[in-house]
Amino acid sequence: MIIDYLKVFFVGGTICLIAQILMDYFKMQTPYIMVTYVTSGVVLSFLGVYQPIVDFGGSGATVPIIGFGYSLYNGVVKAIEKDGFMGVFTGGITATAGGITAAIFFGYIMAVVFNPKAKP
């Protein structure tokens, strides 16, 4: 049981460490890292490299933003198998709709509860 937590921590921590290195040493800005990670999730999934990482690290590999690319890819693949070519357009949205909806909903709730203020 504890080994599963260590695997999740190791994989998720490694993903975050790579992003921190990109920011600190290569001066990459956050939006570029986010786009790079989502795209990397798709490309690594297509190449068959990311599934073993997910199998090993579980939510440590699927929760970070690179996991969003992984989810997009898997959604598109399933939709293509089911709906043919139209799955290219619908699969990613269908697969990630729950996560996107949760992010919008909880973001709204936090904004209402904590009354954010603009930075000066």
PDB file of N, CA and C in Angstrom:
ATOM      1  N   MET A   1       0.821  -1.190   0.000  1.00  0.00           N
ATOM      2  CA  MET A   1       0.000   0.000   0.000  1.00  0.00           C
ATOM      3  C   MET A   1       0.869   1.259   0.000  1.00  0.00           C
ATOM      4  N   ILE A   2       1.814   1.327   0.891  1.00  0.00           N
ATOM      5  CA  ILE A   2       2.680   2.518   0.971  1.00  0.00           C
ATOM      6  C   ILE A   2       3.537   2.657  -0.276  1.00  0.00           C
ATOM      7  N   ILE A   3       3.861   1.529  -0.908  1.00  0.00           N
ATOM      8  CA  ILE A   3       4.673   1.584  -2.122  1.00  0.00           C
ATOM      9  C   ILE A   3       3.908   2.280  -3.248  1.00  0.00           C
ATOM     10  N   ASP A   4       2.577   2.120  -3.268  1.00  0.00           N
ATOM     11  CA  ASP A   4       1.771   2.812  -4.289  1.00  0.00           C
ATOM     12  C   ASP A   4       1.855   4.320  -4.114  1.00  0.00           C
ATOM     13  N   TYR A   5       1.796   4.782  -2.872  1.00  0.00           N
ATOM     14  CA  TYR A   5       1.920   6.215  -2.610  1.00  0.00           C
ATOM     15  C   TYR A   5       3.293   6.730  -3.018  1.00  0.00           C
ATOM     16  N   LEU A   6       4.316   5.931  -2.779  1.00  0.00           N
ATOM     17  CA  LEU A   6       5.673   6.340  -3.166  1.00  0.00           C
ATOM     18  C   LEU A   6       5.814   6.424  -4.687  1.00  0.00           C
ATOM     19  N   LYS A   7       5.196   5.479  -5.404  1.00  0.00           N
ATOM     20  CA  LYS A   7       5.234   5.515  -6.868  1.00  0.00           C
ATOM     21  C   LYS A   7       4.543   6.767  -7.401  1.00  0.00           C
ATOM     22  N   VAL A   8       3.359   7.060  -6.847  1.00  0.00           N
ATOM     23  CA  VAL A   8       2.614   8.244  -7.277  1.00  0.00           C
ATOM     24  C   VAL A   8       3.432   9.505  -7.000  1.00  0.00           C
ATOM     25  N   PHE A   9       4.010   9.583  -5.816  1.00  0.00           N
ATOM     26  CA  PHE A   9       4.816  10.741  -5.445  1.00  0.00           C
ATOM     27  C   PHE A   9       6.045  10.873  -6.345  1.00  0.00           C
ATOM     28  N   PHE A  10       6.689   9.760  -6.638  1.00  0.00           N
ATOM     29  CA  PHE A  10       7.888   9.783  -7.472  1.00  0.00           C
ATOM     30  C   PHE A  10       7.565  10.250  -8.897  1.00  0.00           C
ATOM     31  N   VAL A  11       6.524   9.684  -9.493  1.00  0.00           N
ATOM     32  CA  VAL A  11       6.177  10.039 -10.881  1.00  0.00           C
ATOM     33  C   VAL A  11       5.683  11.482 -10.956  1.00  0.00           C
ATOM     34  N   GLY A  12       4.742  11.846 -10.093  1.00  0.00           N
ATOM     35  CA  GLY A  12       4.228  13.217 -10.096  1.00  0.00           C
ATOM     36  C   GLY A  12       5.311  14.222  -9.765  1.00  0.00           C
ATOM     37  N   GLY A  13       6.164  13.882  -8.805  1.00  0.00           N
ATOM     38  CA  GLY A  13       7.262  14.774  -8.438  1.00  0.00           C
ATOM     39  C   GLY A  13       8.267  14.948  -9.555  1.00  0.00           C
ATOM     40  N   THR A  14       8.530  13.888 -10.290  1.00  0.00           N
ATOM     41  CA  THR A  14       9.459  13.972 -11.415  1.00  0.00           C
ATOM     42  C   THR A  14       8.903  14.869 -12.517  1.00  0.00           C
ATOM     43  N   ILE A  15       7.610  14.740 -12.785  1.00  0.00           N
ATOM     44  CA  ILE A  15       6.977  15.595 -13.793  1.00  0.00           C
ATOM     45  C   ILE A  15       7.081  17.058 -13.373  1.00  0.00           C
ATOM     46  N   CYS A  16       6.804  17.330 -12.104  1.00  0.00           N
ATOM     47  CA  CYS A  16       6.891  18.713 -11.605  1.00  0.00           C
ATOM     48  C   CYS A  16       8.337  19.203 -11.575  1.00  0.00           C
ATOM     49  N   LEU A  17       9.266  18.313 -11.247  1.00  0.00           N
ATOM     50  CA  LEU A  17      10.683  18.688 -11.234  1.00  0.00           C
ATOM     51  C   LEU A  17      11.151  19.109 -12.627  1.00  0.00           C
ATOM     52  N   ILE A  18      10.737  18.389 -13.643  1.00  0.00           N
ATOM     53  CA  ILE A  18      11.113  18.741 -15.015  1.00  0.00           C
ATOM     54  C   ILE A  18      10.579  20.125 -15.367  1.00  0.00           C
ATOM     55  N   ALA A  19       9.327  20.398 -14.986  1.00  0.00           N
ATOM     56  CA  ALA A  19       8.756  21.731 -15.248  1.00  0.00           C
ATOM     57  C   ALA A  19       9.535  22.811 -14.505  1.00  0.00           C
ATOM     58  N   GLN A  20       9.912  22.539 -13.263  1.00  0.00           N
ATOM     59  CA  GLN A  20      10.666  23.533 -12.484  1.00  0.00           C
ATOM     60  C   GLN A  20      12.042  23.791 -13.096  1.00  0.00           C
ATOM     61  N   ILE A  21      12.669  22.752 -13.593  1.00  0.00           N
ATOM     62  CA  ILE A  21      13.967  22.917 -14.267  1.00  0.00           C
ATOM     63  C   ILE A  21      13.795  23.762 -15.530  1.00  0.00           C
ATOM     64  N   LEU A  22      12.731  23.505 -16.290  1.00  0.00           N
ATOM     65  CA  LEU A  22      12.478  24.296 -17.493  1.00  0.00           C
ATOM     66  C   LEU A  22      12.273  25.772 -17.148  1.00  0.00           C
ATOM     67  N   MET A  23      11.608  26.039 -16.031  1.00  0.00           N
ATOM     68  CA  MET A  23      11.376  27.429 -15.630  1.00  0.00           C
ATOM     69  C   MET A  23      12.643  28.088 -15.094  1.00  0.00           C
ATOM     70  N   ASP A  24      13.394  27.369 -14.260  1.00  0.00           N
ATOM     71  CA  ASP A  24      14.550  27.969 -13.589  1.00  0.00           C
ATOM     72  C   ASP A  24      15.770  28.095 -14.497  1.00  0.00           C
ATOM     73  N   TYR A  25      16.075  27.049 -15.236  1.00  0.00           N
ATOM     74  CA  TYR A  25      17.323  27.046 -16.004  1.00  0.00           C
ATOM     75  C   TYR A  25      17.151  27.478 -17.459  1.00  0.00           C
ATOM     76  N   PHE A  26      15.978  27.223 -18.008  1.00  0.00           N
ATOM     77  CA  PHE A  26      15.751  27.578 -19.402  1.00  0.00           C
ATOM     78  C   PHE A  26      14.825  28.774 -19.553  1.00  0.00           C
ATOM     79  N   LYS A  27      14.387  29.322 -18.426  1.00  0.00           N
ATOM     80  CA  LYS A  27      13.561  30.534 -18.380  1.00  0.00           C
ATOM     81  C   LYS A  27      12.288  30.414 -19.217  1.00  0.00           C
ATOM     82  N   MET A  28      11.734  29.207 -19.281  1.00  0.00           N
ATOM     83  CA  MET A  28      10.469  29.018 -19.990  1.00  0.00           C
ATOM     84  C   MET A  28       9.338  29.591 -19.137  1.00  0.00           C
ATOM     85  N   GLN A  29       8.411  30.242 -19.781  1.00  0.00           N
ATOM     86  CA  GLN A  29       7.268  30.783 -19.065  1.00  0.00           C
ATOM     87  C   GLN A  29       6.190  29.713 -18.923  1.00  0.00           C
ATOM     88  N   THR A  30       5.356  29.876 -17.917  1.00  0.00           N
ATOM     89  CA  THR A  30       4.349  28.877 -17.573  1.00  0.00           C
ATOM     90  C   THR A  30       3.453  28.466 -18.749  1.00  0.00           C
ATOM     91  N   PRO A  31       2.937  29.392 -19.553  1.00  0.00           N
ATOM     92  CA  PRO A  31       2.076  28.941 -20.665  1.00  0.00           C
ATOM     93  C   PRO A  31       2.793  28.012 -21.646  1.00  0.00           C
ATOM     94  N   TYR A  32       4.062  28.273 -21.890  1.00  0.00           N
ATOM     95  CA  TYR A  32       4.819  27.412 -22.808  1.00  0.00           C
ATOM     96  C   TYR A  32       5.008  26.021 -22.219  1.00  0.00           C
ATOM     97  N   ILE A  33       5.228  25.969 -20.916  1.00  0.00           N
ATOM     98  CA  ILE A  33       5.372  24.666 -20.262  1.00  0.00           C
ATOM     99  C   ILE A  33       4.062  23.903 -20.315  1.00  0.00           C
ATOM    100  N   MET A  34       2.957  24.592 -20.076  1.00  0.00           N
ATOM    101  CA  MET A  34       1.660  23.922 -20.116  1.00  0.00           C
ATOM    102  C   MET A  34       1.365  23.353 -21.503  1.00  0.00           C
ATOM    103  N   VAL A  35       1.619  24.134 -22.530  1.00  0.00           N
ATOM    104  CA  VAL A  35       1.386  23.654 -23.903  1.00  0.00           C
ATOM    105  C   VAL A  35       2.334  22.500 -24.218  1.00  0.00           C
ATOM    106  N   THR A  36       3.577  22.625 -23.796  1.00  0.00           N
ATOM    107  CA  THR A  36       4.554  21.556 -24.018  1.00  0.00           C
ATOM    108  C   THR A  36       4.130  20.275 -23.325  1.00  0.00           C
ATOM    109  N   TYR A  37       3.633  20.393 -22.102  1.00  0.00           N
ATOM    110  CA  TYR A  37       3.219  19.199 -21.356  1.00  0.00           C
ATOM    111  C   TYR A  37       1.976  18.546 -21.971  1.00  0.00           C
ATOM    112  N   VAL A  38       0.985  19.325 -22.346  1.00  0.00           N
ATOM    113  CA  VAL A  38      -0.209  18.731 -22.959  1.00  0.00           C
ATOM    114  C   VAL A  38       0.173  18.035 -24.266  1.00  0.00           C
ATOM    115  N   THR A  39       0.963  18.706 -25.081  1.00  0.00           N
ATOM    116  CA  THR A  39       1.411  18.121 -26.345  1.00  0.00           C
ATOM    117  C   THR A  39       2.261  16.879 -26.106  1.00  0.00           C
ATOM    118  N   SER A  40       3.126  16.938 -25.107  1.00  0.00           N
ATOM    119  CA  SER A  40       3.952  15.774 -24.772  1.00  0.00           C
ATOM    120  C   SER A  40       3.096  14.597 -24.339  1.00  0.00           C
ATOM    121  N   GLY A  41       2.032  14.864 -23.591  1.00  0.00           N
ATOM    122  CA  GLY A  41       1.125  13.795 -23.178  1.00  0.00           C
ATOM    123  C   GLY A  41       0.501  13.093 -24.371  1.00  0.00           C
ATOM    124  N   VAL A  42       0.130  13.875 -25.379  1.00  0.00           N
ATOM    125  CA  VAL A  42      -0.458  13.299 -26.593  1.00  0.00           C
ATOM    126  C   VAL A  42       0.594  12.506 -27.363  1.00  0.00           C
ATOM    127  N   VAL A  43       1.750  13.113 -27.582  1.00  0.00           N
ATOM    128  CA  VAL A  43       2.802  12.462 -28.379  1.00  0.00           C
ATOM    129  C   VAL A  43       3.312  11.197 -27.689  1.00  0.00           C
ATOM    130  N   LEU A  44       3.575  11.280 -26.391  1.00  0.00           N
ATOM    131  CA  LEU A  44       4.069  10.099 -25.667  1.00  0.00           C
ATOM    132  C   LEU A  44       3.031   8.991 -25.626  1.00  0.00           C
ATOM    133  N   SER A  45       1.750   9.361 -25.553  1.00  0.00           N
ATOM    134  CA  SER A  45       0.688   8.348 -25.612  1.00  0.00           C
ATOM    135  C   SER A  45       0.637   7.695 -26.978  1.00  0.00           C
ATOM    136  N   PHE A  46       0.752   8.499 -28.023  1.00  0.00           N
ATOM    137  CA  PHE A  46       0.750   7.967 -29.388  1.00  0.00           C
ATOM    138  C   PHE A  46       1.912   6.999 -29.594  1.00  0.00           C
ATOM    139  N   LEU A  47       3.068   7.326 -29.047  1.00  0.00           N
ATOM    140  CA  LEU A  47       4.250   6.470 -29.196  1.00  0.00           C
ATOM    141  C   LEU A  47       4.211   5.241 -28.292  1.00  0.00           C
ATOM    142  N   GLY A  48       3.227   5.178 -27.387  1.00  0.00           N
ATOM    143  CA  GLY A  48       3.116   4.033 -26.483  1.00  0.00           C
ATOM    144  C   GLY A  48       4.027   4.119 -25.289  1.00  0.00           C
ATOM    145  N   VAL A  49       4.622   5.273 -25.047  1.00  0.00           N
ATOM    146  CA  VAL A  49       5.574   5.445 -23.949  1.00  0.00           C
ATOM    147  C   VAL A  49       4.864   5.835 -22.657  1.00  0.00           C
ATOM    148  N   TYR A  50       3.776   6.569 -22.761  1.00  0.00           N
ATOM    149  CA  TYR A  50       3.154   7.119 -21.554  1.00  0.00           C
ATOM    150  C   TYR A  50       2.296   6.106 -20.804  1.00  0.00           C
ATOM    151  N   GLN A  51       1.711   5.129 -21.487  1.00  0.00           N
ATOM    152  CA  GLN A  51       0.872   4.137 -20.804  1.00  0.00           C
ATOM    153  C   GLN A  51       1.642   3.364 -19.733  1.00  0.00           C
ATOM    154  N   PRO A  52       2.876   2.906 -19.986  1.00  0.00           N
ATOM    155  CA  PRO A  52       3.620   2.251 -18.903  1.00  0.00           C
ATOM    156  C   PRO A  52       3.902   3.185 -17.718  1.00  0.00           C
ATOM    157  N   ILE A  53       4.083   4.477 -18.000  1.00  0.00           N
ATOM    158  CA  ILE A  53       4.284   5.435 -16.914  1.00  0.00           C
ATOM    159  C   ILE A  53       3.006   5.553 -16.093  1.00  0.00           C
ATOM    160  N   VAL A  54       1.856   5.587 -16.751  1.00  0.00           N
ATOM    161  CA  VAL A  54       0.566   5.637 -16.056  1.00  0.00           C
ATOM    162  C   VAL A  54       0.348   4.358 -15.257  1.00  0.00           C
ATOM    163  N   ASP A  55       0.682   3.220 -15.844  1.00  0.00           N
ATOM    164  CA  ASP A  55       0.521   1.950 -15.142  1.00  0.00           C
ATOM    165  C   ASP A  55       1.391   1.900 -13.882  1.00  0.00           C
ATOM    166  N   PHE A  56       2.566   2.476 -13.944  1.00  0.00           N
ATOM    167  CA  PHE A  56       3.471   2.495 -12.794  1.00  0.00           C
ATOM    168  C   PHE A  56       3.069   3.559 -11.777  1.00  0.00           C
ATOM    169  N   GLY A  57       2.833   4.771 -12.248  1.00  0.00           N
ATOM    170  CA  GLY A  57       2.643   5.901 -11.347  1.00  0.00           C
ATOM    171  C   GLY A  57       1.216   6.286 -11.055  1.00  0.00           C
ATOM    172  N   GLY A  58       0.242   5.673 -11.703  1.00  0.00           N
ATOM    173  CA  GLY A  58      -1.160   5.963 -11.422  1.00  0.00           C
ATOM    174  C   GLY A  58      -1.489   7.438 -11.534  1.00  0.00           C
ATOM    175  N   SER A  59      -2.108   7.972 -10.481  1.00  0.00           N
ATOM    176  CA  SER A  59      -2.545   9.373 -10.519  1.00  0.00           C
ATOM    177  C   SER A  59      -1.372  10.343 -10.529  1.00  0.00           C
ATOM    178  N   GLY A  60      -0.194   9.899 -10.182  1.00  0.00           N
ATOM    179  CA  GLY A  60       0.985  10.757 -10.298  1.00  0.00           C
ATOM    180  C   GLY A  60       1.295  11.096 -11.740  1.00  0.00           C
ATOM    181  N   ALA A  61       0.793  10.267 -12.659  1.00  0.00           N
ATOM    182  CA  ALA A  61       1.006  10.508 -14.085  1.00  0.00           C
ATOM    183  C   ALA A  61      -0.226  11.091 -14.767  1.00  0.00           C
ATOM    184  N   THR A  62      -1.412  10.878 -14.189  1.00  0.00           N
ATOM    185  CA  THR A  62      -2.622  11.335 -14.865  1.00  0.00           C
ATOM    186  C   THR A  62      -3.138  12.677 -14.348  1.00  0.00           C
ATOM    187  N   VAL A  63      -2.800  13.054 -13.129  1.00  0.00           N
ATOM    188  CA  VAL A  63      -3.304  14.305 -12.568  1.00  0.00           C
ATOM    189  C   VAL A  63      -2.569  15.536 -13.096  1.00  0.00           C
ATOM    190  N   PRO A  64      -1.244  15.522 -13.224  1.00  0.00           N
ATOM    191  CA  PRO A  64      -0.585  16.721 -13.771  1.00  0.00           C
ATOM    192  C   PRO A  64      -1.055  17.017 -15.193  1.00  0.00           C
ATOM    193  N   ILE A  65      -0.729  18.191 -15.687  1.00  0.00           N
ATOM    194  CA  ILE A  65      -1.233  18.667 -16.983  1.00  0.00           C
ATOM    195  C   ILE A  65      -0.842  17.736 -18.130  1.00  0.00           C
ATOM    196  N   ILE A  66       0.238  17.010 -17.993  1.00  0.00           N
ATOM    197  CA  ILE A  66       0.618  16.063 -19.046  1.00  0.00           C
ATOM    198  C   ILE A  66      -0.433  14.947 -19.148  1.00  0.00           C
ATOM    199  N   GLY A  67      -1.095  14.649 -18.040  1.00  0.00           N
ATOM    200  CA  GLY A  67      -2.176  13.674 -18.040  1.00  0.00           C
ATOM    201  C   GLY A  67      -3.389  14.140 -18.820  1.00  0.00           C
ATOM    202  N   PHE A  68      -3.547  15.458 -18.955  1.00  0.00           N
ATOM    203  CA  PHE A  68      -4.637  15.998 -19.770  1.00  0.00           C
ATOM    204  C   PHE A  68      -4.418  15.613 -21.229  1.00  0.00           C
ATOM    205  N   GLY A  69      -3.196  15.717 -21.708  1.00  0.00           N
ATOM    206  CA  GLY A  69      -2.875  15.290 -23.073  1.00  0.00           C
ATOM    207  C   GLY A  69      -3.106  13.801 -23.261  1.00  0.00           C
ATOM    208  N   TYR A  70      -2.741  13.029 -22.234  1.00  0.00           N
ATOM    209  CA  TYR A  70      -2.973  11.583 -22.242  1.00  0.00           C
ATOM    210  C   TYR A  70      -4.467  11.290 -22.361  1.00  0.00           C
ATOM    211  N   SER A  71      -5.295  12.016 -21.606  1.00  0.00           N
ATOM    212  CA  SER A  71      -6.748  11.828 -21.657  1.00  0.00           C
ATOM    213  C   SER A  71      -7.321  12.241 -23.008  1.00  0.00           C
ATOM    214  N   LEU A  72      -6.820  13.350 -23.562  1.00  0.00           N
ATOM    215  CA  LEU A  72      -7.267  13.778 -24.893  1.00  0.00           C
ATOM    216  C   LEU A  72      -6.988  12.689 -25.928  1.00  0.00           C
ATOM    217  N   TYR A  73      -5.776  12.171 -25.907  1.00  0.00           N
ATOM    218  CA  TYR A  73      -5.394  11.141 -26.871  1.00  0.00           C
ATOM    219  C   TYR A  73      -6.288   9.908 -26.745  1.00  0.00           C
ATOM    220  N   ASN A  74      -6.463   9.427 -25.522  1.00  0.00           N
ATOM    221  CA  ASN A  74      -7.276   8.217 -25.325  1.00  0.00           C
ATOM    222  C   ASN A  74      -8.726   8.450 -25.720  1.00  0.00           C
ATOM    223  N   GLY A  75      -9.246   9.651 -25.451  1.00  0.00           N
ATOM    224  CA  GLY A  75     -10.610   9.968 -25.860  1.00  0.00           C
ATOM    225  C   GLY A  75     -10.777   9.958 -27.366  1.00  0.00           C
ATOM    226  N   VAL A  76      -9.810  10.511 -28.059  1.00  0.00           N
ATOM    227  CA  VAL A  76      -9.868  10.547 -29.524  1.00  0.00           C
ATOM    228  C   VAL A  76      -9.775   9.134 -30.100  1.00  0.00           C
ATOM    229  N   VAL A  77      -8.885   8.325 -29.557  1.00  0.00           N
ATOM    230  CA  VAL A  77      -8.736   6.949 -30.056  1.00  0.00           C
ATOM    231  C   VAL A  77     -10.040   6.175 -29.878  1.00  0.00           C
ATOM    232  N   LYS A  78     -10.652   6.275 -28.698  1.00  0.00           N
ATOM    233  CA  LYS A  78     -11.915   5.563 -28.462  1.00  0.00           C
ATOM    234  C   LYS A  78     -13.033   6.079 -29.357  1.00  0.00           C
ATOM    235  N   ALA A  79     -13.093   7.392 -29.553  1.00  0.00           N
ATOM    236  CA  ALA A  79     -14.150   7.962 -30.391  1.00  0.00           C
ATOM    237  C   ALA A  79     -13.964   7.592 -31.859  1.00  0.00           C
ATOM    238  N   ILE A  80     -12.727   7.501 -32.304  1.00  0.00           N
ATOM    239  CA  ILE A  80     -12.483   7.084 -33.695  1.00  0.00           C
ATOM    240  C   ILE A  80     -12.941   5.640 -33.892  1.00  0.00           C
ATOM    241  N   GLU A  81     -12.668   4.787 -32.904  1.00  0.00           N
ATOM    242  CA  GLU A  81     -13.114   3.394 -33.002  1.00  0.00           C
ATOM    243  C   GLU A  81     -14.636   3.306 -33.039  1.00  0.00           C
ATOM    244  N   LYS A  82     -15.307   4.204 -32.311  1.00  0.00           N
ATOM    245  CA  LYS A  82     -16.765   4.165 -32.222  1.00  0.00           C
ATOM    246  C   LYS A  82     -17.450   4.909 -33.366  1.00  0.00           C
ATOM    247  N   ASP A  83     -16.983   6.138 -33.659  1.00  0.00           N
ATOM    248  CA  ASP A  83     -17.685   7.017 -34.593  1.00  0.00           C
ATOM    249  C   ASP A  83     -16.961   7.259 -35.912  1.00  0.00           C
ATOM    250  N   GLY A  84     -15.797   6.689 -36.080  1.00  0.00           N
ATOM    251  CA  GLY A  84     -15.040   6.928 -37.295  1.00  0.00           C
ATOM    252  C   GLY A  84     -14.342   8.281 -37.260  1.00  0.00           C
ATOM    253  N   PHE A  85     -14.253   8.907 -38.416  1.00  0.00           N
ATOM    254  CA  PHE A  85     -13.495  10.152 -38.547  1.00  0.00           C
ATOM    255  C   PHE A  85     -14.016  11.272 -37.642  1.00  0.00           C
ATOM    256  N   MET A  86     -15.323  11.315 -37.402  1.00  0.00           N
ATOM    257  CA  MET A  86     -15.892  12.365 -36.546  1.00  0.00           C
ATOM    258  C   MET A  86     -15.338  12.284 -35.126  1.00  0.00           C
ATOM    259  N   GLY A  87     -14.834  11.138 -34.723  1.00  0.00           N
ATOM    260  CA  GLY A  87     -14.245  10.980 -33.396  1.00  0.00           C
ATOM    261  C   GLY A  87     -13.028  11.849 -33.181  1.00  0.00           C
ATOM    262  N   VAL A  88     -12.375  12.239 -34.282  1.00  0.00           N
ATOM    263  CA  VAL A  88     -11.227  13.144 -34.180  1.00  0.00           C
ATOM    264  C   VAL A  88     -11.658  14.455 -33.541  1.00  0.00           C
ATOM    265  N   PHE A  89     -12.873  14.900 -33.867  1.00  0.00           N
ATOM    266  CA  PHE A  89     -13.361  16.189 -33.378  1.00  0.00           C
ATOM    267  C   PHE A  89     -14.085  16.093 -32.037  1.00  0.00           C
ATOM    268  N   THR A  90     -14.685  14.946 -31.756  1.00  0.00           N
ATOM    269  CA  THR A  90     -15.501  14.830 -30.549  1.00  0.00           C
ATOM    270  C   THR A  90     -14.836  14.092 -29.396  1.00  0.00           C
ATOM    271  N   GLY A  91     -13.887  13.251 -29.672  1.00  0.00           N
ATOM    272  CA  GLY A  91     -13.317  12.369 -28.652  1.00  0.00           C
ATOM    273  C   GLY A  91     -12.608  13.076 -27.516  1.00  0.00           C
ATOM    274  N   GLY A  92     -11.777  14.041 -27.848  1.00  0.00           N
ATOM    275  CA  GLY A  92     -11.021  14.738 -26.799  1.00  0.00           C
ATOM    276  C   GLY A  92     -11.915  15.530 -25.868  1.00  0.00           C
ATOM    277  N   ILE A  93     -12.913  16.172 -26.441  1.00  0.00           N
ATOM    278  CA  ILE A  93     -13.849  16.970 -25.633  1.00  0.00           C
ATOM    279  C   ILE A  93     -14.665  16.058 -24.729  1.00  0.00           C
ATOM    280  N   THR A  94     -15.153  14.961 -25.269  1.00  0.00           N
ATOM    281  CA  THR A  94     -15.951  14.030 -24.478  1.00  0.00           C
ATOM    282  C   THR A  94     -15.138  13.435 -23.330  1.00  0.00           C
ATOM    283  N   ALA A  95     -13.907  13.065 -23.609  1.00  0.00           N
ATOM    284  CA  ALA A  95     -13.080  12.410 -22.597  1.00  0.00           C
ATOM    285  C   ALA A  95     -12.684  13.350 -21.464  1.00  0.00           C
ATOM    286  N   THR A  96     -12.562  14.618 -21.751  1.00  0.00           N
ATOM    287  CA  THR A  96     -12.077  15.557 -20.737  1.00  0.00           C
ATOM    288  C   THR A  96     -13.161  16.471 -20.192  1.00  0.00           C
ATOM    289  N   ALA A  97     -14.400  16.280 -20.632  1.00  0.00           N
ATOM    290  CA  ALA A  97     -15.485  17.176 -20.222  1.00  0.00           C
ATOM    291  C   ALA A  97     -15.679  17.205 -18.709  1.00  0.00           C
ATOM    292  N   GLY A  98     -15.590  16.073 -18.066  1.00  0.00           N
ATOM    293  CA  GLY A  98     -15.774  16.028 -16.613  1.00  0.00           C
ATOM    294  C   GLY A  98     -14.724  16.840 -15.878  1.00  0.00           C
ATOM    295  N   GLY A  99     -13.470  16.689 -16.265  1.00  0.00           N
ATOM    296  CA  GLY A  99     -12.394  17.443 -15.623  1.00  0.00           C
ATOM    297  C   GLY A  99     -12.491  18.937 -15.874  1.00  0.00           C
ATOM    298  N   ILE A 100     -12.840  19.305 -17.099  1.00  0.00           N
ATOM    299  CA  ILE A 100     -12.980  20.725 -17.435  1.00  0.00           C
ATOM    300  C   ILE A 100     -14.148  21.328 -16.659  1.00  0.00           C
ATOM    301  N   THR A 101     -15.256  20.608 -16.600  1.00  0.00           N
ATOM    302  CA  THR A 101     -16.422  21.088 -15.863  1.00  0.00           C
ATOM    303  C   THR A 101     -16.113  21.250 -14.389  1.00  0.00           C
ATOM    304  N   ALA A 102     -15.417  20.279 -13.810  1.00  0.00           N
ATOM    305  CA  ALA A 102     -15.052  20.373 -12.395  1.00  0.00           C
ATOM    306  C   ALA A 102     -14.141  21.568 -12.139  1.00  0.00           C
ATOM    307  N   ALA A 103     -13.188  21.811 -13.032  1.00  0.00           N
ATOM    308  CA  ALA A 103     -12.276  22.946 -12.858  1.00  0.00           C
ATOM    309  C   ALA A 103     -13.034  24.265 -12.903  1.00  0.00           C
ATOM    310  N   ILE A 104     -13.967  24.387 -13.840  1.00  0.00           N
ATOM    311  CA  ILE A 104     -14.760  25.621 -13.938  1.00  0.00           C
ATOM    312  C   ILE A 104     -15.653  25.774 -12.710  1.00  0.00           C
ATOM    313  N   PHE A 105     -16.340  24.702 -12.316  1.00  0.00           N
ATOM    314  CA  PHE A 105     -17.247  24.765 -11.176  1.00  0.00           C
ATOM    315  C   PHE A 105     -16.515  25.117  -9.884  1.00  0.00           C
ATOM    316  N   PHE A 106     -15.443  24.381  -9.571  1.00  0.00           N
ATOM    317  CA  PHE A 106     -14.738  24.638  -8.318  1.00  0.00           C
ATOM    318  C   PHE A 106     -13.998  25.975  -8.347  1.00  0.00           C
ATOM    319  N   GLY A 107     -13.536  26.381  -9.523  1.00  0.00           N
ATOM    320  CA  GLY A 107     -12.937  27.712  -9.642  1.00  0.00           C
ATOM    321  C   GLY A 107     -13.948  28.799  -9.341  1.00  0.00           C
ATOM    322  N   TYR A 108     -15.165  28.621  -9.841  1.00  0.00           N
ATOM    323  CA  TYR A 108     -16.234  29.587  -9.575  1.00  0.00           C
ATOM    324  C   TYR A 108     -16.575  29.614  -8.088  1.00  0.00           C
ATOM    325  N   ILE A 109     -16.715  28.444  -7.480  1.00  0.00           N
ATOM    326  CA  ILE A 109     -17.035  28.373  -6.046  1.00  0.00           C
ATOM    327  C   ILE A 109     -15.949  29.058  -5.225  1.00  0.00           C
ATOM    328  N   MET A 110     -14.697  28.818  -5.544  1.00  0.00           N
ATOM    329  CA  MET A 110     -13.608  29.449  -4.798  1.00  0.00           C
ATOM    330  C   MET A 110     -13.614  30.961  -4.982  1.00  0.00           C
ATOM    331  N   ALA A 111     -13.949  31.407  -6.189  1.00  0.00           N
ATOM    332  CA  ALA A 111     -14.013  32.848  -6.445  1.00  0.00           C
ATOM    333  C   ALA A 111     -15.140  33.492  -5.635  1.00  0.00           C
ATOM    334  N   VAL A 112     -16.257  32.798  -5.493  1.00  0.00           N
ATOM    335  CA  VAL A 112     -17.378  33.344  -4.727  1.00  0.00           C
ATOM    336  C   VAL A 112     -17.052  33.327  -3.224  1.00  0.00           C
ATOM    337  N   VAL A 113     -16.490  32.246  -2.753  1.00  0.00           N
ATOM    338  CA  VAL A 113     -16.211  32.089  -1.318  1.00  0.00           C
ATOM    339  C   VAL A 113     -15.112  33.025  -0.866  1.00  0.00           C
ATOM    340  N   PHE A 114     -14.044  33.146  -1.625  1.00  0.00           N
ATOM    341  CA  PHE A 114     -12.881  33.900  -1.181  1.00  0.00           C
ATOM    342  C   PHE A 114     -12.784  35.300  -1.751  1.00  0.00           C
ATOM    343  N   ASN A 115     -13.697  35.723  -2.604  1.00  0.00           N
ATOM    344  CA  ASN A 115     -13.741  37.083  -3.119  1.00  0.00           C
ATOM    345  C   ASN A 115     -12.356  37.600  -3.584  1.00  0.00           C
ATOM    346  N   PRO A 116     -11.863  37.074  -4.698  1.00  0.00           N
ATOM    347  CA  PRO A 116     -10.515  37.454  -5.156  1.00  0.00           C
ATOM    348  C   PRO A 116     -10.445  38.936  -5.531  1.00  0.00           C
ATOM    349  N   LYS A 117      -9.279  39.472  -5.356  1.00  0.00           N
ATOM    350  CA  LYS A 117      -9.042  40.876  -5.705  1.00  0.00           C
ATOM    351  C   LYS A 117      -7.947  40.948  -6.760  1.00  0.00           C
ATOM    352  N   ALA A 118      -8.063  41.910  -7.646  1.00  0.00           N
ATOM    353  CA  ALA A 118      -7.045  42.092  -8.687  1.00  0.00           C
ATOM    354  C   ALA A 118      -5.752  42.587  -8.050  1.00  0.00           C
ATOM    355  N   LYS A 119      -4.640  42.133  -8.589  1.00  0.00           N
ATOM    356  CA  LYS A 119      -3.342  42.605  -8.110  1.00  0.00           C
ATOM    357  C   LYS A 119      -3.107  44.025  -8.574  1.00  0.00           C
ATOM    358  N   PRO A 120      -2.505  44.854  -7.716  1.00  0.00           N
ATOM    359  CA  PRO A 120      -2.264  46.263  -8.114  1.00  0.00           C
ATOM    360  C   PRO A 120      -1.208  46.405  -9.191  1.00  0.00           C
TER     361      PRO A 120
END
